[in-house]
C-alpha atoms as a PDB file:
ATOM      1  CA  MET A   1      12.756 -33.093  23.036  1.00  0.00           C
ATOM      2  CA  ASN A   2       9.998 -30.329  22.524  1.00  0.00           C
ATOM      3  CA  GLN A   3       8.932 -30.503  18.782  1.00  0.00           C
ATOM      4  CA  HIS A   4       9.283 -26.672  18.848  1.00  0.00           C
ATOM      5  CA  ASN A   5      12.640 -26.832  19.500  1.00  0.00           C
ATOM      6  CA  GLN A   6      13.570 -28.901  16.690  1.00  0.00           C
ATOM      7  CA  VAL A   7      15.055 -27.858  13.699  1.00  0.00           C
ATOM      8  CA  VAL A   8      14.090 -30.052  10.785  1.00  0.00           C
ATOM      9  CA  LEU A   9      15.341 -28.993   7.285  1.00  0.00           C
ATOM     10  CA  SER A  10      13.012 -29.420   3.994  1.00  0.00           C
ATOM     11  CA  PRO A  11      14.500 -30.223   0.601  1.00  0.00           C
ATOM     12  CA  SER A  12      13.324 -27.878  -1.975  1.00  0.00           C
ATOM     13  CA  THR A  13      13.386 -25.345   0.241  1.00  0.00           C
ATOM     14  CA  LEU A  14      14.615 -21.595   0.392  1.00  0.00           C
ATOM     15  CA  TYR A  15      14.975 -20.368   3.563  1.00  0.00           C
ATOM     16  CA  ILE A  16      15.663 -16.530   4.221  1.00  0.00           C
ATOM     17  CA  VAL A  17      18.056 -16.285   7.300  1.00  0.00           C
ATOM     18  CA  PRO A  18      18.633 -12.859   9.242  1.00  0.00           C
ATOM     19  CA  THR A  19      22.385 -12.304  10.174  1.00  0.00           C
ATOM     20  CA  PRO A  20      23.444  -9.909  12.859  1.00  0.00           C
ATOM     21  CA  ILE A  21      23.642  -6.376  12.021  1.00  0.00           C
ATOM     22  CA  GLY A  22      26.562  -6.025  14.668  1.00  0.00           C
ATOM     23  CA  ASN A  23      26.769  -8.248  17.758  1.00  0.00           C
ATOM     24  CA  LEU A  24      27.228 -11.626  16.905  1.00  0.00           C
ATOM     25  CA  SER A  25      25.488 -12.803  19.767  1.00  0.00           C
ATOM     26  CA  ASP A  26      22.343 -11.585  18.134  1.00  0.00           C
ATOM     27  CA  ILE A  27      21.936 -14.819  15.799  1.00  0.00           C
ATOM     28  CA  THR A  28      19.449 -17.202  16.468  1.00  0.00           C
ATOM     29  CA  GLN A  29      20.259 -20.977  17.537  1.00  0.00           C
ATOM     30  CA  ARG A  30      17.883 -21.690  14.397  1.00  0.00           C
ATOM     31  CA  ALA A  31      19.710 -19.645  12.097  1.00  0.00           C
ATOM     32  CA  LEU A  32      22.912 -21.499  13.157  1.00  0.00           C
ATOM     33  CA  SER A  33      21.191 -24.849  12.827  1.00  0.00           C
ATOM     34  CA  VAL A  34      19.802 -23.789   9.313  1.00  0.00           C
ATOM     35  CA  LEU A  35      23.300 -22.329   8.064  1.00  0.00           C
ATOM     36  CA  GLN A  36      24.799 -25.303   9.246  1.00  0.00           C
ATOM     37  CA  GLY A  37      22.305 -27.823   7.770  1.00  0.00           C
ATOM     38  CA  VAL A  38      21.371 -26.404   4.028  1.00  0.00           C
ATOM     39  CA  ASP A  39      23.009 -27.841   0.899  1.00  0.00           C
ATOM     40  CA  LEU A  40      23.799 -24.233  -0.162  1.00  0.00           C
ATOM     41  CA  ILE A  41      24.280 -20.923   0.928  1.00  0.00           C
ATOM     42  CA  ALA A  42      23.579 -17.658  -1.357  1.00  0.00           C
ATOM     43  CA  ALA A  43      25.368 -14.802   0.058  1.00  0.00           C
ATOM     44  CA  GLU A  44      25.557 -11.323  -0.769  1.00  0.00           C
ATOM     45  CA  ASP A  45      29.319 -11.132  -0.413  1.00  0.00           C
ATOM     46  CA  THR A  46      30.524 -14.625   0.136  1.00  0.00           C
ATOM     47  CA  ARG A  47      33.687 -13.145   1.884  1.00  0.00           C
ATOM     48  CA  HIS A  48      31.918 -11.366   4.582  1.00  0.00           C
ATOM     49  CA  THR A  49      29.249 -14.508   5.116  1.00  0.00           C
ATOM     50  CA  GLY A  50      32.396 -16.706   5.185  1.00  0.00           C
ATOM     51  CA  LEU A  51      33.981 -14.746   8.121  1.00  0.00           C
ATOM     52  CA  LEU A  52      30.486 -15.090   9.889  1.00  0.00           C
ATOM     53  CA  LEU A  53      30.308 -18.954   9.358  1.00  0.00           C
ATOM     54  CA  GLN A  54      34.087 -19.556  10.674  1.00  0.00           C
ATOM     55  CA  HIS A  55      33.462 -17.580  13.760  1.00  0.00           C
ATOM     56  CA  PHE A  56      30.520 -20.056  14.290  1.00  0.00           C
ATOM     57  CA  GLY A  57      32.462 -23.187  13.014  1.00  0.00           C
ATOM     58  CA  ILE A  58      30.226 -23.646  10.236  1.00  0.00           C
ATOM     59  CA  ASN A  59      31.223 -25.128   7.078  1.00  0.00           C
ATOM     60  CA  ALA A  60      28.867 -24.832   3.983  1.00  0.00           C
ATOM     61  CA  ARG A  61      29.028 -24.195   0.226  1.00  0.00           C
ATOM     62  CA  LEU A  62      28.529 -20.700  -0.616  1.00  0.00           C
ATOM     63  CA  PHE A  63      28.074 -18.808  -3.608  1.00  0.00           C
ATOM     64  CA  ALA A  64      27.220 -15.094  -4.582  1.00  0.00           C
ATOM     65  CA  LEU A  65      24.016 -13.626  -4.964  1.00  0.00           C
ATOM     66  CA  HIS A  66      23.937  -9.869  -5.280  1.00  0.00           C
ATOM     67  CA  ASP A  67      22.347  -6.896  -6.940  1.00  0.00           C
ATOM     68  CA  HIS A  68      24.399  -7.575  -9.724  1.00  0.00           C
ATOM     69  CA  ASN A  69      23.542 -11.102 -10.600  1.00  0.00           C
ATOM     70  CA  GLU A  70      20.587 -12.034  -8.940  1.00  0.00           C
ATOM     71  CA  GLN A  71      18.422 -11.797 -12.203  1.00  0.00           C
ATOM     72  CA  GLN A  72      20.885 -13.913 -14.191  1.00  0.00           C
ATOM     73  CA  LYS A  73      21.491 -16.493 -11.198  1.00  0.00           C
ATOM     74  CA  ALA A  74      17.461 -17.088 -10.677  1.00  0.00           C
ATOM     75  CA  ASP A  75      17.271 -19.680 -13.300  1.00  0.00           C
ATOM     76  CA  SER A  76      20.105 -21.828 -11.913  1.00  0.00           C
ATOM     77  CA  VAL A  77      19.269 -21.503  -8.243  1.00  0.00           C
ATOM     78  CA  ILE A  78      15.513 -22.404  -9.325  1.00  0.00           C
ATOM     79  CA  ALA A  79      16.863 -25.586 -11.188  1.00  0.00           C
ATOM     80  CA  LYS A  80      18.957 -26.404  -7.866  1.00  0.00           C
ATOM     81  CA  LEU A  81      15.696 -26.270  -5.600  1.00  0.00           C
ATOM     82  CA  ARG A  82      13.745 -28.136  -8.013  1.00  0.00           C
ATOM     83  CA  GLU A  83      16.540 -31.050  -7.809  1.00  0.00           C
ATOM     84  CA  GLY A  84      15.770 -31.198  -4.099  1.00  0.00           C
ATOM     85  CA  SER A  85      18.326 -28.843  -2.641  1.00  0.00           C
ATOM     86  CA  SER A  86      17.803 -26.707   0.512  1.00  0.00           C
ATOM     87  CA  ILE A  87      19.097 -23.243   0.034  1.00  0.00           C
ATOM     88  CA  ALA A  88      19.776 -20.596   2.577  1.00  0.00           C
ATOM     89  CA  LEU A  89      19.698 -16.632   1.668  1.00  0.00           C
ATOM     90  CA  VAL A  90      21.507 -14.360   3.805  1.00  0.00           C
ATOM     91  CA  SER A  91      22.705 -10.717   3.098  1.00  0.00           C
ATOM     92  CA  ASP A  92      25.867  -8.854   4.466  1.00  0.00           C
ATOM     93  CA  ALA A  93      23.688  -8.225   7.838  1.00  0.00           C
ATOM     94  CA  GLY A  94      20.149  -8.283   8.888  1.00  0.00           C
ATOM     95  CA  THR A  95      17.169  -9.366   7.230  1.00  0.00           C
ATOM     96  CA  PRO A  96      17.454 -10.092   3.610  1.00  0.00           C
ATOM     97  CA  LEU A  97      15.326  -8.225   1.012  1.00  0.00           C
ATOM     98  CA  ILE A  98      15.146  -5.353   3.258  1.00  0.00           C
ATOM     99  CA  ASN A  99      16.926  -3.172   1.208  1.00  0.00           C
ATOM    100  CA  ASP A 100      19.347  -5.923   0.113  1.00  0.00           C
ATOM    101  CA  PRO A 101      18.878  -8.558  -2.580  1.00  0.00           C
ATOM    102  CA  GLY A 102      16.442 -11.449  -2.649  1.00  0.00           C
ATOM    103  CA  TYR A 103      13.317 -10.057  -3.968  1.00  0.00           C
ATOM    104  CA  HIS A 104      13.662 -11.457  -7.613  1.00  0.00           C
ATOM    105  CA  LEU A 105      14.439 -14.896  -6.436  1.00  0.00           C
ATOM    106  CA  VAL A 106      11.779 -15.155  -3.700  1.00  0.00           C
ATOM    107  CA  ARG A 107       9.624 -13.589  -6.529  1.00  0.00           C
ATOM    108  CA  ARG A 108      10.448 -16.613  -8.847  1.00  0.00           C
ATOM    109  CA  CYS A 109       9.829 -19.258  -6.156  1.00  0.00           C
ATOM    110  CA  GLN A 110       6.367 -17.986  -4.897  1.00  0.00           C
ATOM    111  CA  GLU A 111       5.465 -18.309  -8.716  1.00  0.00           C
ATOM    112  CA  GLU A 112       6.847 -21.500  -9.227  1.00  0.00           C
ATOM    113  CA  GLY A 113       5.288 -23.130  -5.876  1.00  0.00           C
ATOM    114  CA  ILE A 114       8.995 -23.413  -4.456  1.00  0.00           C
ATOM    115  CA  ARG A 115       8.632 -23.280  -0.642  1.00  0.00           C
ATOM    116  CA  VAL A 116       9.992 -20.281   1.212  1.00  0.00           C
ATOM    117  CA  ILE A 117      10.775 -20.414   4.860  1.00  0.00           C
ATOM    118  CA  PRO A 118      11.479 -16.884   6.584  1.00  0.00           C
ATOM    119  CA  LEU A 119      13.435 -17.031  10.029  1.00  0.00           C
ATOM    120  CA  PRO A 120      12.774 -13.910  12.234  1.00  0.00           C
ATOM    121  CA  GLY A 121      15.970 -12.041  13.467  1.00  0.00           C
ATOM    122  CA  ALA A 122      17.842  -8.941  13.295  1.00  0.00           C
ATOM    123  CA  CYS A 123      16.821  -5.795  11.136  1.00  0.00           C
ATOM    124  CA  ALA A 124      18.195  -2.594  11.641  1.00  0.00           C
ATOM    125  CA  ALA A 125      14.979  -0.769  10.843  1.00  0.00           C
ATOM    126  CA  ILE A 126      12.908  -2.655  13.356  1.00  0.00           C
ATOM    127  CA  THR A 127      15.672  -2.190  16.137  1.00  0.00           C
ATOM    128  CA  ALA A 128      15.517   1.579  15.353  1.00  0.00           C
ATOM    129  CA  LEU A 129      11.869   1.763  15.798  1.00  0.00           C
ATOM    130  CA  SER A 130      11.725   0.107  18.999  1.00  0.00           C
ATOM    131  CA  ALA A 131      14.044   2.481  20.790  1.00  0.00           C
ATOM    132  CA  ALA A 132      13.135   5.613  19.078  1.00  0.00           C
ATOM    133  CA  GLY A 133      10.375   6.713  21.220  1.00  0.00           C
ATOM    134  CA  LEU A 134       8.052   7.364  18.298  1.00  0.00           C
ATOM    135  CA  PRO A 135       4.550   6.061  17.274  1.00  0.00           C
ATOM    136  CA  SER A 136       4.913   2.460  16.083  1.00  0.00           C
ATOM    137  CA  ASP A 137       1.596   1.323  15.912  1.00  0.00           C
ATOM    138  CA  ARG A 138       1.627   2.592  12.079  1.00  0.00           C
ATOM    139  CA  PHE A 139       5.070   3.206  10.284  1.00  0.00           C
ATOM    140  CA  CYS A 140       6.486   2.640   6.734  1.00  0.00           C
ATOM    141  CA  TYR A 141       9.899   1.817   5.621  1.00  0.00           C
ATOM    142  CA  GLU A 142      11.392   4.078   3.046  1.00  0.00           C
ATOM    143  CA  GLY A 143      15.033   2.816   2.457  1.00  0.00           C
ATOM    144  CA  PHE A 144      17.573   4.925   1.415  1.00  0.00           C
ATOM    145  CA  LEU A 145      16.651   8.666   0.167  1.00  0.00           C
ATOM    146  CA  PRO A 146      17.991   9.483  -3.121  1.00  0.00           C
ATOM    147  CA  ALA A 147      21.583  10.532  -3.614  1.00  0.00           C
ATOM    148  CA  LYS A 148      20.845  13.761  -5.613  1.00  0.00           C
ATOM    149  CA  THR A 149      19.852  16.759  -4.277  1.00  0.00           C
ATOM    150  CA  LYS A 150      16.727  17.534  -6.135  1.00  0.00           C
ATOM    151  CA  ALA A 151      15.665  13.930  -6.049  1.00  0.00           C
ATOM    152  CA  ARG A 152      15.847  13.815  -2.372  1.00  0.00           C
ATOM    153  CA  CYS A 153      13.942  16.946  -1.839  1.00  0.00           C
ATOM    154  CA  ASP A 154      11.389  15.717  -4.305  1.00  0.00           C
ATOM    155  CA  THR A 155      11.114  12.711  -2.050  1.00  0.00           C
ATOM    156  CA  LEU A 156      10.776  14.462   1.029  1.00  0.00           C
ATOM    157  CA  ARG A 157       8.041  16.604  -0.205  1.00  0.00           C
ATOM    158  CA  ALA A 158       6.053  13.767  -1.763  1.00  0.00           C
ATOM    159  CA  ILE A 159       5.959  12.425   1.929  1.00  0.00           C
ATOM    160  CA  LEU A 160       5.762  15.910   3.916  1.00  0.00           C
ATOM    161  CA  GLN A 161       1.969  15.084   4.775  1.00  0.00           C
ATOM    162  CA  GLU A 162       2.648  11.601   5.622  1.00  0.00           C
ATOM    163  CA  PRO A 163       1.068  10.762   9.052  1.00  0.00           C
ATOM    164  CA  ARG A 164       2.967   7.693   9.719  1.00  0.00           C
ATOM    165  CA  THR A 165       6.542   7.045  11.431  1.00  0.00           C
ATOM    166  CA  MET A 166       9.113   6.667   8.474  1.00  0.00           C
ATOM    167  CA  ILE A 167      12.082   4.826   8.872  1.00  0.00           C
ATOM    168  CA  PHE A 168      15.113   5.578   6.612  1.00  0.00           C
ATOM    169  CA  TYR A 169      18.622   4.234   6.036  1.00  0.00           C
ATOM    170  CA  GLU A 170      21.156   6.520   5.334  1.00  0.00           C
ATOM    171  CA  SER A 171      25.068   6.429   4.574  1.00  0.00           C
ATOM    172  CA  THR A 172      27.814   8.453   6.471  1.00  0.00           C
ATOM    173  CA  HIS A 173      28.707  10.219   3.336  1.00  0.00           C
ATOM    174  CA  ARG A 174      25.088  11.626   2.840  1.00  0.00           C
ATOM    175  CA  LEU A 175      23.788  12.157   6.530  1.00  0.00           C
ATOM    176  CA  LEU A 176      24.472  15.948   6.526  1.00  0.00           C
ATOM    177  CA  ASP A 177      22.921  16.798   3.445  1.00  0.00           C
ATOM    178  CA  SER A 178      19.845  14.796   4.195  1.00  0.00           C
ATOM    179  CA  LEU A 179      19.284  16.083   7.598  1.00  0.00           C
ATOM    180  CA  GLN A 180      19.676  19.655   5.931  1.00  0.00           C
ATOM    181  CA  ASP A 181      17.108  18.758   3.326  1.00  0.00           C
ATOM    182  CA  MET A 182      14.630  17.540   5.883  1.00  0.00           C
ATOM    183  CA  VAL A 183      15.456  20.990   7.779  1.00  0.00           C
ATOM    184  CA  THR A 184      14.582  22.591   4.365  1.00  0.00           C
ATOM    185  CA  VAL A 185      11.483  20.675   3.247  1.00  0.00           C
ATOM    186  CA  LEU A 186      10.056  19.171   6.682  1.00  0.00           C
ATOM    187  CA  GLY A 187      10.865  21.795   8.755  1.00  0.00           C
ATOM    188  CA  ALA A 188      13.530  22.345  11.641  1.00  0.00           C
ATOM    189  CA  GLU A 189      10.993  21.398  14.025  1.00  0.00           C
ATOM    190  CA  ARG A 190       9.962  17.847  12.922  1.00  0.00           C
ATOM    191  CA  TYR A 191      11.412  15.420  15.363  1.00  0.00           C
ATOM    192  CA  VAL A 192      13.967  13.024  13.955  1.00  0.00           C
ATOM    193  CA  VAL A 193      15.816  10.279  15.676  1.00  0.00           C
ATOM    194  CA  LEU A 194      19.349   9.326  14.532  1.00  0.00           C
ATOM    195  CA  ALA A 195      20.119   5.490  15.332  1.00  0.00           C
ATOM    196  CA  ARG A 196      23.951   4.901  14.760  1.00  0.00           C
ATOM    197  CA  GLU A 197      25.784   1.838  15.097  1.00  0.00           C
ATOM    198  CA  LEU A 198      23.285  -0.196  16.536  1.00  0.00           C
ATOM    199  CA  THR A 199      24.075  -3.329  18.365  1.00  0.00           C
ATOM    200  CA  LYS A 200      27.958  -2.301  18.266  1.00  0.00           C
ATOM    201  CA  THR A 201      30.310  -0.779  20.582  1.00  0.00           C
ATOM    202  CA  TRP A 202      29.541   2.710  19.691  1.00  0.00           C
ATOM    203  CA  GLU A 203      25.776   2.587  19.637  1.00  0.00           C
ATOM    204  CA  ASN A 204      24.322   5.832  19.951  1.00  0.00           C
ATOM    205  CA  ILE A 205      20.426   6.984  19.482  1.00  0.00           C
ATOM    206  CA  ARG A 206      19.489  10.700  19.585  1.00  0.00           C
ATOM    207  CA  GLY A 207      16.137  12.306  19.021  1.00  0.00           C
ATOM    208  CA  ALA A 208      15.682  15.802  18.564  1.00  0.00           C
ATOM    209  CA  PRO A 209      13.989  18.433  16.091  1.00  0.00           C
ATOM    210  CA  VAL A 210      15.591  17.901  13.024  1.00  0.00           C
ATOM    211  CA  GLY A 211      17.539  21.426  12.860  1.00  0.00           C
ATOM    212  CA  GLU A 212      18.899  20.555  16.509  1.00  0.00           C
ATOM    213  CA  LEU A 213      19.940  16.844  15.413  1.00  0.00           C
ATOM    214  CA  LEU A 214      21.789  18.534  12.522  1.00  0.00           C
ATOM    215  CA  ALA A 215      23.757  21.130  14.810  1.00  0.00           C
ATOM    216  CA  TRP A 216      24.737  18.255  16.998  1.00  0.00           C
ATOM    217  CA  VAL A 217      25.795  16.012  14.339  1.00  0.00           C
ATOM    218  CA  LEU A 218      28.107  19.058  13.180  1.00  0.00           C
ATOM    219  CA  GLU A 219      29.714  19.305  16.793  1.00  0.00           C
ATOM    220  CA  ASP A 220      31.544  15.995  16.410  1.00  0.00           C
ATOM    221  CA  GLU A 221      32.642  14.202  13.187  1.00  0.00           C
ATOM    222  CA  VAL A 222      32.488  10.878  14.892  1.00  0.00           C
ATOM    223  CA  ARG A 223      28.294  11.304  15.047  1.00  0.00           C
ATOM    224  CA  ARG A 224      28.112  10.839  11.435  1.00  0.00           C
ATOM    225  CA  LYS A 225      30.164   7.383  10.839  1.00  0.00           C
ATOM    226  CA  GLY A 226      28.641   4.166  11.222  1.00  0.00           C
ATOM    227  CA  GLU A 227      25.474   2.464  10.013  1.00  0.00           C
ATOM    228  CA  MET A 228      22.724   4.892  10.247  1.00  0.00           C
ATOM    229  CA  VAL A 229      18.928   4.426  10.973  1.00  0.00           C
ATOM    230  CA  LEU A 230      16.820   7.645  10.687  1.00  0.00           C
ATOM    231  CA  ILE A 231      13.499   7.729  12.274  1.00  0.00           C
ATOM    232  CA  VAL A 232      11.325  10.751  11.127  1.00  0.00           C
ATOM    233  CA  GLU A 233       8.395  11.617  12.879  1.00  0.00           C
ATOM    234  CA  GLY A 234       4.920  11.660  11.141  1.00  0.00           C
ATOM    235  CA  HIS A 235       3.304  14.734   9.971  1.00  0.00           C
ATOM    236  CA  LYS A 236       0.703  16.146  12.648  1.00  0.00           C
ATOM    237  CA  ALA A 237      -1.991  17.818  10.767  1.00  0.00           C
ATOM    238  CA  GLU A 238      -3.700  20.844  12.044  1.00  0.00           C
ATOM    239  CA  GLU A 239      -7.665  20.514  11.962  1.00  0.00           C
ATOM    240  CA  ASP A 240      -8.134  23.086   9.199  1.00  0.00           C
ATOM    241  CA  GLU A 241      -5.148  21.702   7.191  1.00  0.00           C
ATOM    242  CA  LEU A 242      -5.725  20.865   3.412  1.00  0.00           C
ATOM    243  CA  PRO A 243      -4.146  17.678   1.937  1.00  0.00           C
ATOM    244  CA  ALA A 244      -1.131  18.222  -0.424  1.00  0.00           C
ATOM    245  CA  GLU A 245      -2.706  15.933  -2.812  1.00  0.00           C
ATOM    246  CA  ALA A 246      -5.827  17.966  -3.032  1.00  0.00           C
ATOM    247  CA  LEU A 247      -3.866  21.198  -3.448  1.00  0.00           C
ATOM    248  CA  ARG A 248      -1.938  19.352  -6.294  1.00  0.00           C
ATOM    249  CA  THR A 249      -5.205  18.216  -7.802  1.00  0.00           C
ATOM    250  CA  LEU A 250      -6.551  21.935  -7.647  1.00  0.00           C
ATOM    251  CA  ALA A 251      -3.363  23.571  -9.307  1.00  0.00           C
ATOM    252  CA  LEU A 252      -3.675  20.986 -12.147  1.00  0.00           C
ATOM    253  CA  LEU A 253      -7.317  21.581 -12.563  1.00  0.00           C
ATOM    254  CA  GLN A 254      -6.882  25.339 -12.502  1.00  0.00           C
ATOM    255  CA  ARG A 255      -5.095  25.150 -15.601  1.00  0.00           C
ATOM    256  CA  GLU A 256      -8.257  24.104 -17.563  1.00  0.00           C
ATOM    257  CA  LEU A 257     -11.117  25.019 -15.592  1.00  0.00           C
ATOM    258  CA  PRO A 258     -12.589  28.205 -13.835  1.00  0.00           C
ATOM    259  CA  LEU A 259     -11.661  28.622 -10.229  1.00  0.00           C
ATOM    260  CA  LYS A 260     -14.912  27.745  -8.836  1.00  0.00           C
ATOM    261  CA  LYS A 261     -15.287  24.306 -11.017  1.00  0.00           C
ATOM    262  CA  ALA A 262     -11.571  23.236 -10.263  1.00  0.00           C
ATOM    263  CA  ALA A 263     -12.254  23.973  -6.505  1.00  0.00           C
ATOM    264  CA  ALA A 264     -15.623  21.928  -6.664  1.00  0.00           C
ATOM    265  CA  LEU A 265     -14.135  18.796  -8.514  1.00  0.00           C
ATOM    266  CA  ALA A 266     -10.873  18.731  -6.390  1.00  0.00           C
ATOM    267  CA  ALA A 267     -13.037  18.877  -3.133  1.00  0.00           C
ATOM    268  CA  GLU A 268     -15.087  16.093  -4.403  1.00  0.00           C
ATOM    269  CA  ILE A 269     -12.163  14.069  -5.602  1.00  0.00           C
ATOM    270  CA  HIS A 270     -10.388  14.063  -2.087  1.00  0.00           C
ATOM    271  CA  ASP A 271     -13.427  14.532  -0.038  1.00  0.00           C
ATOM    272  CA  VAL A 272     -12.597  18.050   1.437  1.00  0.00           C
ATOM    273  CA  LYS A 273     -14.478  21.193   2.000  1.00  0.00           C
ATOM    274  CA  LYS A 274     -15.116  23.139  -1.380  1.00  0.00           C
ATOM    275  CA  ASN A 275     -15.026  26.678   0.021  1.00  0.00           C
ATOM    276  CA  ALA A 276     -12.090  26.014   2.139  1.00  0.00           C
ATOM    277  CA  LEU A 277     -10.015  24.950  -1.479  1.00  0.00           C
ATOM    278  CA  TYR A 278     -11.694  27.952  -2.847  1.00  0.00           C
ATOM    279  CA  ARG A 279     -10.226  30.493  -0.237  1.00  0.00           C
ATOM    280  CA  TYR A 280      -6.931  28.655  -0.391  1.00  0.00           C
ATOM    281  CA  ALA A 281      -6.832  29.459  -4.339  1.00  0.00           C
ATOM    282  CA  LEU A 282      -8.067  32.980  -3.443  1.00  0.00           C
ATOM    283  CA  GLU A 283      -5.196  33.635  -1.294  1.00  0.00           C
ATOM    284  CA  GLN A 284      -2.544  32.074  -3.544  1.00  0.00           C
ATOM    285  CA  GLN A 285      -3.966  34.460  -6.417  1.00  0.00           C
ATOM    286  CA  GLU A 286      -3.719  37.322  -4.184  1.00  0.00           C
ATOM    287  CA  GLY A 287      -0.421  36.578  -3.027  1.00  0.00           C
ATOM    288  CA  ALA A 288       1.063  36.308  -6.426  1.00  0.00           C
ATOM    289  CA  GLU A 289      -0.449  39.732  -7.532  1.00  0.00           C
END
């Protein structure tokens, strides 16, 4: 047999094993072999993972490792690994650690020289990005937006001028609020793709200016149900547009310094034209009068 098709498990090793995000056929043969062969499986929800293993006829010893017990359990997991156990880490769906538990355990393993082997596999963020029709050469994953309106808007303002494509996860009950805040902060014309129920029966991928996307979602309650990924187009800067960070620095410096000095320092810090910052500040002052 070709050595690249063999799955040989190593002792004292933590395996990061992605599981399907919907369609069970998306699990890899290597993932099944690892889940079948390891000594223990650390699962975000043992009941959920138990059903997955049952579907594939895998008998395994499970224990719970989730957000609320991960740091407390890390010592015992490390001890088992040091004793020679092979352990698979799985989340409820997709790739562990991507908005799921596992970071603290993996960090401990890396710090203590315990081998960590990641398996490739399902990830909702990358699956959605591949079908979004937005630039994918540079992108950033932002997880879930904050639940509270002010914090959510503050987060959106912070990435207002982010040029990369942005990936967010969103929940059913917060989708409308998040889309509305995107309209308010990013502008109704910012292009956003809603990828819903990926790999499942009712999969739907819809892209439009966010104002239109919000109206489309409001037309049918079904369009706001299920597992959601939002792909947001990066900011397209105008040639003479001043960076948001430069304007923020200018505003802070103006509190303590004369306008010309504040503009000169902000321009030097952010490598922008001093005159442009100075003109902007004058316009702001005239508008406030």
